[in-house]
Amino acid sequence: MQGFRGPQQNHGLNRPGDHMGDGANSNGQQPEPSEQTNPNAALTLDPQSFRKPGEKTFTQRSRLFVGNLPTGVTEEELEKLFAKYGKASEVFVNKERGFGFIRLETRIIAEIARSELDDFVVKGRPIRVRFATHGAALSVKNLPEFVSNELLEEAFAIFGQIERAVVIVDDRGRPTGKGIVEFTTKPAARKALDKCSDSAYLMTAFPRPITVEPMEQFDEDEGLPEKLINKNQQYHKEREQPPRFAQPGSFEYEYAMRWKALMEMEKQQYEMVDRNMKDAQEKLEQEMEAARHEHQVMLMRQDLLRRQEELRRMEELHSQEVQKRKQAELRQEEERRRREEEMRLHNEELMKRQQEGFRGSFPENREQEMRMHMGGHGMSMNRNSLGGGSGSAGTAGITAESSPMMSGSGNNNLPVGGQGGFSRGLPGSGDYNKQRRF
């Protein structure tokens, strides 16, 4: 990587065992360890040149641990030591225990700083620079096949802000079912860990929950150099003999083979466990498919029952509506009949009143008519009596005036005029009274 080689080749740091030119300074003298200075202090790197497209800055992945610091080193001195690599967002120093932390802008800048400043001598002591442990990183397992980096980040963003979410793939780019999620804060990572442990978090339609665990931190770059091994008594005892192949028939060979048999048995046990797990997974998938089919059938049956219930309710509502309409029509019919009956009774009452009024006035008219007729008879009689004669003319007048009163079916043959009309004589007071009562 050119970003690493450039600064190291052009501005390499003085390390224990390294020499500058012939090993002497401008005065021809070898500098003391405490007099070493950072030759890169006056140079700076452009962070923009080492930033990937879309890369987040000042994350936990660019946080460095600085150990074996001399007593009394301040945060300002530590920041000045890393000034070449850009402005730091976090600087912390524990003066009593001699370590500190510093966070740079990007991961590549932090890698350059680590490679150049590791074992750099500060006040006579070589400092140790390592990447700090990411305390908010989680390991995700049992990821479905179709989960991407973006989906993984979206799924865990509900717990807090995420710095990085990556699905681990093999050398061919195929997903391994594992992933890494790094949060910006530890509380967010703890919340995600607790929630996923207590519940079943599903990533896709496949109902297999993921497994979330705290991520184990490994340093695969530096490894364990010889200088960092604790050279105690056990170290010297183990290092008495160099690497070798055990000779057949020897004590080492016998127990070495027994160890190999034990490790082979362990391998077989793991393979058996893996096979059992795969068989159990396949069986569970088959049961799940059968249960899913049964569940779908049950849902369809429930939906059918629900539709039938809705249809029944609609029919009931329709029948109720029809019944209401019939009742309304019956009420209207009854109201119409009642009105017709009232009208008929009212008409009959009017007719009855008219008839009673006519009957009440008829006797009065009849009596008035009789009075008029009787008045006519009286006048003719008075004129005859006043005249003193009983000639035929007077008799004829009385007969003519009285003939309407005496007409009837039994008097049709009576002779008109002359004395034949009064064969019984002149009517007297008794006859007048009879006619009046009639």
Protein backbone atom coordinates (compact mmCIF):
# COMPACT_ATOMS: atom_id res chain seq x y z
CA MET A 1 0.00 0.00 0.00
CA GLN A 2 1.60 3.24 -1.15
CA GLY A 3 0.11 5.26 1.70
CA PHE A 4 2.14 3.11 4.07
CA ARG A 5 5.33 2.87 2.10
CA GLY A 6 5.63 6.54 1.21
CA PRO A 7 5.91 7.93 4.71
CA GLN A 8 7.94 4.96 5.88
CA GLN A 9 10.49 5.18 3.07
CA ASN A 10 10.79 8.94 2.94
CA HIS A 11 10.22 9.75 6.56
CA GLY A 12 11.01 6.59 8.47
CA LEU A 13 11.12 6.71 12.24
CA ASN A 14 14.09 5.86 14.45
CA ARG A 15 13.46 2.53 16.12
CA PRO A 16 15.63 0.49 18.41
CA GLY A 17 18.29 -1.18 16.27
CA ASP A 18 17.80 1.19 13.33
CA HIS A 19 20.60 3.50 12.21
CA MET A 20 20.54 6.76 10.32
CA GLY A 21 23.27 6.71 7.68
CA ASP A 22 26.45 5.68 9.48
CA GLY A 23 24.71 5.83 12.86
CA ALA A 24 26.01 9.30 13.86
CA ASN A 25 24.48 12.75 13.96
CA SER A 26 25.94 15.91 12.46
CA ASN A 27 28.55 16.05 15.22
CA GLY A 28 29.56 12.46 14.61
CA GLN A 29 27.99 11.32 17.85
CA GLN A 30 25.23 8.72 18.37
CA PRO A 31 22.09 10.41 19.80
CA GLU A 32 20.82 9.27 23.12
CA PRO A 33 17.41 7.56 23.19
CA SER A 34 15.97 10.43 25.17
CA GLU A 35 17.18 12.87 22.55
CA GLN A 36 15.30 11.24 19.69
CA THR A 37 12.75 13.48 18.06
CA ASN A 38 9.99 12.79 15.63
CA PRO A 39 11.40 13.57 12.16
CA ASN A 40 7.83 13.69 10.81
CA ALA A 41 6.66 16.36 13.24
CA ALA A 42 7.07 19.11 10.66
CA LEU A 43 5.19 17.13 7.99
CA THR A 44 1.48 16.56 7.74
CA LEU A 45 -0.68 14.17 5.76
CA ASP A 46 -3.74 15.21 3.80
CA PRO A 47 -6.63 13.18 5.26
CA GLN A 48 -8.67 13.70 2.09
CA SER A 49 -6.15 11.62 0.16
CA PHE A 50 -6.70 8.64 2.46
CA ARG A 51 -10.49 8.73 2.74
CA LYS A 52 -12.64 6.16 0.96
CA PRO A 53 -15.83 7.33 -0.78
CA GLY A 54 -18.65 7.46 1.78
CA GLU A 55 -16.36 6.54 4.68
CA LYS A 56 -17.36 7.87 8.08
CA THR A 57 -14.75 9.85 9.98
CA PHE A 58 -13.55 9.74 13.59
CA THR A 59 -15.04 6.33 14.29
CA GLN A 60 -14.02 3.72 16.83
CA ARG A 61 -12.06 1.94 14.11
CA SER A 62 -9.66 4.87 13.90
CA ARG A 63 -9.08 4.97 17.67
CA LEU A 64 -5.56 4.09 18.81
CA PHE A 65 -4.25 2.82 22.11
CA VAL A 66 -0.89 4.27 23.14
CA GLY A 67 0.91 2.36 25.88
CA ASN A 68 4.17 2.50 27.82
CA LEU A 69 4.05 6.27 28.01
CA PRO A 70 6.62 7.96 30.24
CA THR A 71 5.37 9.39 33.48
CA GLY A 72 4.14 12.93 33.17
CA VAL A 73 3.21 12.90 29.50
CA THR A 74 0.30 15.27 28.97
CA GLU A 75 -2.53 15.19 26.48
CA GLU A 76 -1.05 18.17 24.66
CA GLU A 77 2.23 16.30 24.19
CA LEU A 78 0.40 13.21 22.91
CA GLU A 79 -1.62 15.30 20.48
CA LYS A 80 1.55 17.02 19.29
CA LEU A 81 3.15 13.61 18.73
CA PHE A 82 0.29 12.70 16.35
CA ALA A 83 -0.01 16.18 14.80
CA LYS A 84 1.35 14.96 11.46
CA TYR A 85 -1.70 12.74 10.95
CA GLY A 86 -4.28 15.47 11.17
CA LYS A 87 -6.45 16.87 13.90
CA ALA A 88 -7.53 14.37 16.54
CA SER A 89 -11.09 14.31 17.93
CA GLU A 90 -10.28 12.47 21.16
CA VAL A 91 -7.14 12.64 23.30
CA PHE A 92 -6.94 10.99 26.70
CA VAL A 93 -3.91 10.22 28.90
CA ASN A 94 -3.76 8.30 32.15
CA LYS A 95 -0.60 9.75 33.66
CA GLU A 96 -0.45 7.36 36.60
CA ARG A 97 -0.71 4.15 34.54
CA GLY A 98 1.13 5.44 31.48
CA PHE A 99 -1.35 4.89 28.65
CA GLY A 100 -3.68 6.94 26.53
CA PHE A 101 -6.13 6.99 23.61
CA ILE A 102 -6.29 9.13 20.50
CA ARG A 103 -8.83 9.09 17.67
CA LEU A 104 -7.81 10.11 14.16
CA GLU A 105 -9.94 10.97 11.17
CA THR A 106 -9.89 7.74 9.14
CA ARG A 107 -8.86 4.13 9.52
CA ILE A 108 -6.05 4.40 6.95
CA ILE A 109 -4.56 7.42 8.69
CA ALA A 110 -4.68 5.50 11.98
CA GLU A 111 -2.92 2.52 10.36
CA ILE A 112 -0.17 4.80 9.05
CA ALA A 113 0.26 6.39 12.46
CA ARG A 114 0.39 3.01 14.16
CA SER A 115 3.00 1.61 11.79
CA GLU A 116 5.21 4.71 12.08
CA LEU A 117 4.93 5.49 15.78
CA ASP A 118 4.91 1.99 17.24
CA ASP A 119 8.15 1.53 19.22
CA PHE A 120 8.97 5.21 18.82
CA VAL A 121 11.10 6.36 21.77
CA VAL A 122 9.59 9.11 23.88
CA LYS A 123 11.69 10.31 26.81
CA GLY A 124 13.77 7.16 26.75
CA ARG A 125 10.83 4.74 26.54
CA PRO A 126 9.55 3.02 23.37
CA ILE A 127 5.81 3.55 23.17
CA ARG A 128 3.38 0.90 21.97
CA VAL A 129 0.66 1.87 19.49
CA ARG A 130 -2.24 -0.51 18.85
CA PHE A 131 -5.80 -0.20 17.69
CA ALA A 132 -8.10 0.24 20.64
CA THR A 133 -10.69 -2.39 21.36
CA HIS A 134 -14.08 -1.49 19.90
CA GLY A 135 -16.35 -1.72 22.91
CA ALA A 136 -19.54 -1.10 20.89
CA ALA A 137 -19.05 -3.83 18.26
CA LEU A 138 -21.37 -6.82 17.93
CA SER A 139 -21.03 -10.09 16.07
CA VAL A 140 -24.14 -11.19 14.19
CA LYS A 141 -24.68 -14.81 13.16
CA ASN A 142 -27.34 -16.85 11.32
CA LEU A 143 -27.85 -14.10 8.77
CA PRO A 144 -30.12 -15.09 5.86
CA GLU A 145 -28.58 -15.37 2.42
CA PHE A 146 -30.13 -12.20 1.03
CA VAL A 147 -29.04 -9.76 3.74
CA SER A 148 -26.76 -6.99 2.52
CA ASN A 149 -24.66 -4.39 4.30
CA GLU A 150 -27.39 -1.80 3.82
CA LEU A 151 -30.14 -4.05 5.18
CA LEU A 152 -27.99 -5.00 8.16
CA GLU A 153 -27.37 -1.34 8.99
CA GLU A 154 -31.04 -0.50 8.55
CA ALA A 155 -32.06 -3.35 10.83
CA PHE A 156 -29.80 -2.27 13.70
CA ALA A 157 -30.22 1.48 13.26
CA ILE A 158 -33.33 1.27 15.47
CA PHE A 159 -31.05 0.80 18.49
CA GLY A 160 -28.72 3.74 17.87
CA GLN A 161 -26.28 5.39 15.51
CA ILE A 162 -24.13 2.93 13.56
CA GLU A 163 -20.58 3.46 12.39
CA ARG A 164 -20.22 0.34 10.29
CA ALA A 165 -22.30 -2.69 9.32
CA VAL A 166 -20.68 -5.41 7.20
CA VAL A 167 -21.80 -8.85 6.05
CA ILE A 168 -18.76 -11.16 6.07
CA VAL A 169 -18.23 -13.04 2.79
CA ASP A 170 -15.77 -15.72 1.66
CA ASP A 171 -13.07 -15.37 -0.98
CA ARG A 172 -15.68 -15.72 -3.73
CA GLY A 173 -17.96 -13.06 -2.30
CA ARG A 174 -20.56 -15.51 -1.01
CA PRO A 175 -22.17 -14.65 2.36
CA THR A 176 -21.02 -16.69 5.32
CA GLY A 177 -24.05 -15.98 7.48
CA LYS A 178 -22.00 -13.74 9.77
CA GLY A 179 -21.74 -9.99 10.11
CA ILE A 180 -20.31 -7.14 12.16
CA VAL A 181 -22.25 -4.17 13.53
CA GLU A 182 -20.35 -1.31 15.16
CA PHE A 183 -22.24 1.37 17.11
CA THR A 184 -20.95 4.76 18.10
CA THR A 185 -21.81 4.25 21.79
CA LYS A 186 -21.81 1.32 24.17
CA PRO A 187 -25.38 1.86 25.47
CA ALA A 188 -26.73 1.39 21.94
CA ALA A 189 -24.77 -1.84 21.53
CA ARG A 190 -25.97 -3.09 24.92
CA LYS A 191 -29.57 -2.30 24.02
CA ALA A 192 -29.31 -4.23 20.75
CA LEU A 193 -27.62 -7.17 22.51
CA ASP A 194 -30.26 -7.39 25.25
CA LYS A 195 -33.22 -6.98 22.89
CA CYS A 196 -32.00 -9.60 20.42
CA SER A 197 -31.20 -12.01 23.26
CA ASP A 198 -34.60 -11.67 24.93
CA SER A 199 -36.61 -11.76 21.71
CA ALA A 200 -36.42 -13.28 18.22
CA TYR A 201 -35.25 -10.70 15.66
CA LEU A 202 -36.05 -11.70 12.07
CA MET A 203 -34.25 -10.12 9.13
CA THR A 204 -36.28 -11.50 6.21
CA ALA A 205 -39.43 -13.55 5.56
CA PHE A 206 -37.60 -16.70 6.62
CA PRO A 207 -38.53 -17.17 10.30
CA ARG A 208 -35.05 -17.93 11.60
CA PRO A 209 -33.85 -15.39 14.18
CA ILE A 210 -30.35 -13.99 14.15
CA THR A 211 -27.85 -14.44 16.97
CA VAL A 212 -26.09 -11.40 18.44
CA GLU A 213 -22.98 -11.64 20.62
CA PRO A 214 -20.25 -9.26 21.77
CA MET A 215 -17.56 -9.22 19.16
CA GLU A 216 -14.24 -10.79 20.05
CA GLN A 217 -11.37 -8.47 19.22
CA PHE A 218 -8.35 -9.93 17.46
CA ASP A 219 -5.15 -8.32 16.22
CA GLU A 220 -4.31 -10.23 13.07
CA ASP A 221 -1.81 -7.72 11.77
CA GLU A 222 0.95 -7.51 14.34
CA GLY A 223 0.53 -10.85 16.01
CA LEU A 224 2.94 -11.70 18.83
CA PRO A 225 6.51 -10.65 18.16
CA GLU A 226 9.33 -12.21 20.12
CA LYS A 227 10.03 -9.03 22.01
CA LEU A 228 6.58 -9.06 23.60
CA ILE A 229 6.80 -12.58 25.01
CA ASN A 230 7.24 -12.79 28.74
CA LYS A 231 10.59 -14.50 29.10
CA ASN A 232 10.10 -16.27 32.41
CA GLN A 233 11.35 -19.65 33.65
CA GLN A 234 8.71 -21.57 31.75
CA TYR A 235 9.71 -19.76 28.58
CA HIS A 236 13.31 -20.90 28.89
CA LYS A 237 12.22 -24.46 29.68
CA GLU A 238 9.99 -24.69 26.62
CA ARG A 239 12.62 -23.18 24.38
CA GLU A 240 15.28 -25.73 25.25
CA GLN A 241 14.53 -27.75 22.13
CA PRO A 242 13.90 -26.35 18.65
CA PRO A 243 11.01 -27.36 16.36
CA ARG A 244 11.34 -31.02 15.18
CA PHE A 245 9.45 -34.14 14.09
CA ALA A 246 8.99 -36.81 16.75
CA GLN A 247 11.01 -39.97 16.12
CA PRO A 248 8.95 -43.19 15.90
CA GLY A 249 9.29 -45.43 18.94
CA SER A 250 10.26 -42.60 21.23
CA PHE A 251 8.38 -41.27 24.26
CA GLU A 252 7.52 -38.06 22.41
CA TYR A 253 6.18 -40.00 19.43
CA GLU A 254 3.87 -42.21 21.55
CA TYR A 255 2.19 -39.32 23.34
CA ALA A 256 2.22 -37.17 20.25
CA MET A 257 0.17 -39.84 18.47
CA ARG A 258 -2.20 -40.09 21.39
CA TRP A 259 -2.67 -36.35 21.25
CA LYS A 260 -3.36 -36.62 17.53
CA ALA A 261 -5.96 -39.35 18.16
CA LEU A 262 -7.65 -37.14 20.75
CA MET A 263 -7.70 -34.19 18.39
CA GLU A 264 -9.03 -36.41 15.61
CA MET A 265 -11.81 -37.59 17.92
CA GLU A 266 -12.56 -33.99 18.77
CA LYS A 267 -12.75 -33.20 15.07
CA GLN A 268 -15.11 -36.13 14.48
CA GLN A 269 -17.27 -35.04 17.36
CA TYR A 270 -17.53 -31.54 15.92
CA GLU A 271 -18.35 -32.99 12.50
CA MET A 272 -21.00 -35.23 14.04
CA VAL A 273 -22.46 -32.26 15.87
CA ASP A 274 -22.47 -30.29 12.62
CA ARG A 275 -24.24 -33.14 10.79
CA ASN A 276 -26.80 -33.46 13.58
CA MET A 277 -27.34 -29.73 13.50
CA LYS A 278 -27.83 -29.77 9.73
CA ASP A 279 -30.26 -32.69 9.97
CA ALA A 280 -32.14 -30.89 12.71
CA GLN A 281 -32.23 -27.73 10.62
CA GLU A 282 -33.56 -29.60 7.58
CA LYS A 283 -36.19 -31.31 9.70
CA LEU A 284 -37.17 -28.01 11.24
CA GLU A 285 -37.42 -26.42 7.79
CA GLN A 286 -39.69 -29.25 6.59
CA GLU A 287 -41.88 -28.93 9.67
CA MET A 288 -41.91 -25.20 9.19
CA GLU A 289 -43.04 -25.53 5.57
CA ALA A 290 -45.78 -27.98 6.57
CA ALA A 291 -46.84 -25.73 9.43
CA ARG A 292 -46.77 -22.72 7.10
CA HIS A 293 -49.00 -24.52 4.62
CA GLU A 294 -51.35 -25.53 7.42
CA HIS A 295 -51.28 -21.99 8.74
CA GLN A 296 -52.15 -20.63 5.32
CA VAL A 297 -55.02 -23.10 5.04
CA MET A 298 -56.21 -22.05 8.49
CA LEU A 299 -56.00 -18.39 7.48
CA MET A 300 -57.96 -19.12 4.32
CA ARG A 301 -60.57 -21.02 6.36
CA GLN A 302 -60.79 -18.16 8.81
CA ASP A 303 -61.11 -15.70 5.95
CA LEU A 304 -63.88 -17.84 4.45
CA LEU A 305 -65.68 -17.98 7.79
CA ARG A 306 -65.27 -14.26 8.15
CA ARG A 307 -66.69 -13.68 4.69
CA GLN A 308 -69.59 -16.03 5.43
CA GLU A 309 -70.25 -14.18 8.65
CA GLU A 310 -70.17 -10.88 6.80
CA LEU A 311 -72.55 -12.29 4.18
CA ARG A 312 -74.88 -13.54 6.91
CA ARG A 313 -74.81 -10.15 8.59
CA MET A 314 -75.51 -8.46 5.28
CA GLU A 315 -78.44 -10.83 4.68
CA GLU A 316 -79.75 -10.11 8.16
CA LEU A 317 -79.43 -6.41 7.57
CA HIS A 318 -81.18 -6.80 4.22
CA SER A 319 -83.99 -8.85 5.76
CA GLN A 320 -84.31 -6.31 8.55
CA GLU A 321 -84.45 -3.53 5.98
CA VAL A 322 -87.10 -5.43 3.99
CA GLN A 323 -89.06 -6.07 7.19
CA LYS A 324 -88.85 -2.39 8.07
CA ARG A 325 -90.09 -1.48 4.63
CA LYS A 326 -92.99 -3.94 4.89
CA GLN A 327 -93.88 -2.59 8.32
CA ALA A 328 -93.73 0.93 6.96
CA GLU A 329 -95.98 -0.07 4.05
CA LEU A 330 -98.41 -1.76 6.45
CA ARG A 331 -98.48 1.33 8.62
CA GLN A 332 -99.12 3.48 5.57
CA GLU A 333 -101.91 1.11 4.44
CA GLU A 334 -103.48 1.15 7.88
CA GLU A 335 -103.23 4.90 7.97
CA ARG A 336 -104.87 5.12 4.54
CA ARG A 337 -107.68 2.79 5.60
CA ARG A 338 -108.17 4.69 8.82
CA ARG A 339 -108.44 7.93 6.89
CA GLU A 340 -110.90 6.39 4.43
CA GLU A 341 -112.97 5.04 7.34
CA GLU A 342 -112.95 8.41 9.00
CA MET A 343 -113.95 10.04 5.72
CA ARG A 344 -116.77 7.53 5.23
CA LEU A 345 -118.04 8.03 8.77
CA HIS A 346 -117.79 11.76 8.32
CA ASN A 347 -119.78 11.59 5.07
CA GLU A 348 -122.43 9.36 6.68
CA GLU A 349 -122.67 11.77 9.57
CA LEU A 350 -123.18 14.66 7.17
CA MET A 351 -125.87 12.74 5.24
CA LYS A 352 -127.62 11.79 8.45
CA ARG A 353 -127.61 15.36 9.61
CA GLN A 354 -129.01 16.51 6.27
CA GLN A 355 -131.79 13.91 6.41
CA GLU A 356 -132.67 14.82 9.98
CA GLY A 357 -132.81 18.47 8.99
CA PHE A 358 -135.14 17.67 6.06
CA ARG A 359 -137.51 15.57 8.23
CA GLY A 360 -137.71 18.26 10.85
CA SER A 361 -138.81 20.93 8.33
CA PHE A 362 -141.38 18.75 6.44
CA PRO A 363 -144.30 18.88 9.04
CA GLU A 364 -144.06 22.65 9.27
CA ASN A 365 -144.35 23.00 5.47
CA ARG A 366 -147.27 20.60 5.39
CA GLU A 367 -149.10 22.45 8.13
CA GLN A 368 -148.53 25.77 6.37
CA GLU A 369 -149.91 24.32 3.14
CA MET A 370 -152.98 22.97 4.94
CA ARG A 371 -153.56 26.34 6.51
CA MET A 372 -153.41 27.97 3.14
CA HIS A 373 -155.99 25.52 1.71
CA MET A 374 -158.26 25.82 4.70
CA GLY A 375 -158.01 29.55 4.52
CA GLY A 376 -159.31 29.37 0.94
CA HIS A 377 -162.34 27.27 1.96
CA GLY A 378 -163.24 29.62 4.74
CA MET A 379 -163.30 32.67 2.46
CA SER A 380 -165.60 30.94 -0.07
CA MET A 381 -167.97 29.89 2.65
CA ASN A 382 -168.17 33.36 4.07
CA ARG A 383 -168.89 34.82 0.69
CA ASN A 384 -171.75 32.31 0.16
CA SER A 385 -173.24 33.01 3.52
CA LEU A 386 -172.92 36.76 3.08
CA GLY A 387 -174.54 36.53 -0.37
CA GLY A 388 -177.58 34.72 1.04
CA GLY A 389 -177.93 32.41 -1.90
CA SER A 390 -177.08 28.82 -2.59
CA GLY A 391 -176.85 29.00 -6.33
CA SER A 392 -175.05 26.64 -8.55
CA ALA A 393 -172.24 29.05 -9.08
CA GLY A 394 -171.29 29.11 -5.43
CA THR A 395 -171.63 25.44 -5.11
CA ALA A 396 -169.48 24.91 -8.12
CA GLY A 397 -166.80 27.19 -6.68
CA ILE A 398 -166.67 25.29 -3.44
CA THR A 399 -166.57 22.03 -5.28
CA ALA A 400 -163.78 23.24 -7.49
CA GLU A 401 -161.76 24.46 -4.55
CA SER A 402 -162.33 21.35 -2.51
CA SER A 403 -161.81 18.88 -5.33
CA PRO A 404 -158.01 18.78 -4.94
CA MET A 405 -158.28 17.98 -1.32
CA MET A 406 -160.70 15.13 -1.97
CA SER A 407 -159.01 13.66 -5.00
CA GLY A 408 -157.71 10.19 -4.64
CA SER A 409 -158.00 6.69 -5.93
CA GLY A 410 -161.47 6.26 -4.34
CA ASN A 411 -162.91 9.56 -5.58
CA ASN A 412 -162.12 9.32 -9.26
CA ASN A 413 -165.78 8.56 -10.20
CA LEU A 414 -167.31 11.41 -8.33
CA PRO A 415 -169.09 13.89 -10.52
CA VAL A 416 -167.52 17.30 -10.76
CA GLY A 417 -169.63 20.36 -10.32
CA GLY A 418 -173.32 20.66 -9.33
CA GLN A 419 -174.73 19.40 -6.14
CA GLY A 420 -173.30 15.91 -6.62
CA GLY A 421 -170.04 17.09 -4.97
CA PHE A 422 -171.85 17.84 -1.76
CA SER A 423 -174.25 14.92 -1.45
CA ARG A 424 -173.57 14.80 2.21
CA GLY A 425 -174.20 18.46 2.65
CA LEU A 426 -171.97 21.39 3.42
CA PRO A 427 -169.02 20.76 5.62
CA GLY A 428 -169.44 21.88 9.10
CA SER A 429 -167.10 22.64 11.94
CA GLY A 430 -166.54 18.98 12.65
CA ASP A 431 -165.38 18.30 9.16
CA TYR A 432 -163.00 21.24 9.26
CA ASN A 433 -161.43 19.97 12.39
CA LYS A 434 -160.97 16.55 10.84
CA GLN A 435 -159.27 18.01 7.80
CA ARG A 436 -156.99 20.05 9.97
CA ARG A 437 -155.90 17.08 12.01
CA PHE A 438 -155.23 15.25 8.82
